[in-house]
Amino acid sequence: MVFTDEYKGVEAHGNTKLHIIHTNDKKQMAISLAQYERHLSLQRHKIVGIDLEYNNEPEATQKPALFQLSIGNAQPVLLFQLSAAERCTIFDNFLANPRYTFAGFSIDSDKTRLERVNLEVANFVDI
């Protein structure tokens, strides 16, 4: 079942409001990534915030279930529910794009779990 939930005005910190799109719809994900690419094309530093959540399998076999991508508060935060989506080359290619720097926190376990589903994040840096 394909879904898209949209949340506007989510309070993040103090008076910071976020726009969030949670989806497993390939079309909605592609629209969001196209917006990101347009915005990033105008930026000197092309930084994408990234975080992964995993499925409930034992740690030794866990796989990425949800990707959280963000590029500042001017664009929606994309929550892409990979565990409930069909594999999509648009998403794979965005993550593998060497023009972008993907910034995450404690990324070693993320890299291991990404390998389990044959996904690679280019320029994945640990902040």
Protein backbone atom coordinates (compact mmCIF):
# COMPACT_ATOMS: atom_id res chain seq x y z
CA MET A 1 0.00 0.00 0.00
CA VAL A 2 1.42 3.36 -1.07
CA PHE A 3 1.17 6.24 1.38
CA THR A 4 2.25 9.84 1.86
CA ASP A 5 1.72 11.74 5.10
CA GLU A 6 2.59 15.41 5.29
CA TYR A 7 3.13 17.39 8.48
CA LYS A 8 3.57 21.16 8.46
CA GLY A 9 4.66 23.32 11.34
CA VAL A 10 6.24 20.55 13.40
CA GLU A 11 8.13 22.24 16.22
CA ALA A 12 11.76 21.13 16.20
CA HIS A 13 13.51 23.43 18.61
CA GLY A 14 12.30 26.67 20.07
CA ASN A 15 10.49 28.45 17.28
CA THR A 16 11.88 26.34 14.42
CA LYS A 17 9.08 24.78 12.40
CA LEU A 18 9.64 21.86 10.06
CA HIS A 19 7.72 20.58 7.08
CA ILE A 20 7.91 16.76 6.96
CA ILE A 21 6.95 14.35 4.21
CA HIS A 22 6.73 10.67 5.23
CA THR A 23 6.24 8.39 2.27
CA ASN A 24 6.91 5.08 0.60
CA ASP A 25 5.63 6.43 -2.74
CA LYS A 26 8.35 6.45 -5.40
CA LYS A 27 6.70 9.36 -7.22
CA GLN A 28 6.53 11.55 -4.10
CA MET A 29 10.10 10.62 -3.18
CA ALA A 30 11.26 11.55 -6.70
CA ILE A 31 9.47 14.93 -6.45
CA SER A 32 11.15 15.63 -3.10
CA LEU A 33 14.59 14.64 -4.40
CA ALA A 34 14.13 16.83 -7.50
CA GLN A 35 13.37 19.77 -5.19
CA TYR A 36 16.49 18.95 -3.18
CA GLU A 37 18.60 18.80 -6.32
CA ARG A 38 17.30 22.17 -7.55
CA HIS A 39 18.06 23.74 -4.16
CA LEU A 40 21.48 22.09 -3.86
CA SER A 41 22.46 23.19 -7.37
CA LEU A 42 22.41 26.78 -6.07
CA GLN A 43 24.48 26.02 -2.97
CA ARG A 44 28.25 26.19 -2.70
CA HIS A 45 28.28 23.44 -0.08
CA LYS A 46 25.98 20.61 -1.11
CA ILE A 47 25.30 19.00 2.28
CA VAL A 48 22.48 16.55 2.93
CA GLY A 49 21.67 15.52 6.48
CA ILE A 50 21.01 11.80 6.70
CA ASP A 51 19.84 9.41 9.40
CA LEU A 52 18.71 5.79 9.16
CA GLU A 53 16.36 3.74 11.25
CA TYR A 54 16.40 -0.04 11.03
CA ASN A 55 13.92 -2.91 10.94
CA ASN A 56 13.25 -5.02 14.03
CA GLU A 57 15.40 -7.97 13.03
CA PRO A 58 18.31 -9.08 15.22
CA GLU A 59 21.26 -6.71 14.94
CA ALA A 60 23.30 -9.16 12.88
CA THR A 61 20.70 -9.08 10.09
CA GLN A 62 19.15 -5.60 10.49
CA LYS A 63 18.49 -3.58 7.35
CA PRO A 64 17.63 0.08 6.77
CA ALA A 65 13.90 0.67 7.13
CA LEU A 66 13.60 4.46 7.05
CA PHE A 67 15.79 7.21 5.61
CA GLN A 68 15.59 10.73 6.98
CA LEU A 69 17.01 13.30 4.56
CA SER A 70 17.16 17.05 5.08
CA ILE A 71 18.84 20.07 3.52
CA GLY A 72 18.01 22.85 5.95
CA ASN A 73 14.71 24.23 7.12
CA ALA A 74 13.70 25.78 3.77
CA GLN A 75 12.94 22.35 2.26
CA PRO A 76 10.78 19.56 3.68
CA VAL A 77 12.43 16.79 5.65
CA LEU A 78 11.97 13.58 3.68
CA LEU A 79 11.22 10.41 5.61
CA PHE A 80 11.42 7.68 2.99
CA GLN A 81 10.04 4.37 4.27
CA LEU A 82 12.35 2.06 2.34
CA SER A 83 11.04 -1.05 4.10
CA ALA A 84 7.59 -0.45 2.56
CA ALA A 85 8.73 0.75 -0.88
CA GLU A 86 9.85 -0.77 -4.13
CA ARG A 87 13.53 -0.33 -4.93
CA CYS A 88 14.05 2.81 -7.01
CA THR A 89 17.07 3.85 -9.04
CA ILE A 90 16.26 7.56 -8.53
CA PHE A 91 16.76 7.12 -4.78
CA ASP A 92 19.84 4.90 -5.21
CA ASN A 93 21.41 7.40 -7.62
CA PHE A 94 20.74 10.36 -5.31
CA LEU A 95 22.53 8.60 -2.45
CA ALA A 96 25.44 7.64 -4.72
CA ASN A 97 25.85 11.13 -6.22
CA PRO A 98 29.44 12.25 -5.55
CA ARG A 99 28.46 15.95 -5.79
CA TYR A 100 26.74 15.76 -2.40
CA THR A 101 28.13 15.32 1.08
CA PHE A 102 25.90 13.22 3.31
CA ALA A 103 26.37 14.12 6.97
CA GLY A 104 25.30 11.64 9.63
CA PHE A 105 26.13 10.71 13.21
CA SER A 106 27.85 7.45 14.21
CA ILE A 107 27.65 6.12 10.67
CA ASP A 108 29.64 2.88 10.97
CA SER A 109 26.55 0.80 11.74
CA ASP A 110 24.66 2.63 8.98
CA LYS A 111 27.30 1.62 6.43
CA THR A 112 27.12 -2.02 7.54
CA ARG A 113 23.34 -2.12 7.23
CA LEU A 114 23.39 -0.33 3.87
CA GLU A 115 25.72 -3.03 2.50
CA ARG A 116 23.09 -5.64 3.38
CA VAL A 117 20.71 -4.08 0.84
CA ASN A 118 23.41 -3.15 -1.70
CA LEU A 119 23.09 0.60 -1.14
CA GLU A 120 26.00 2.99 -1.00
CA VAL A 121 26.04 6.58 0.20
CA ALA A 122 28.69 8.70 -1.53
CA ASN A 123 30.74 11.09 0.58
CA PHE A 124 29.20 9.79 3.82
CA VAL A 125 30.82 11.76 6.65
CA ASP A 126 30.45 11.27 10.38
CA ILE A 127 29.73 14.45 12.26
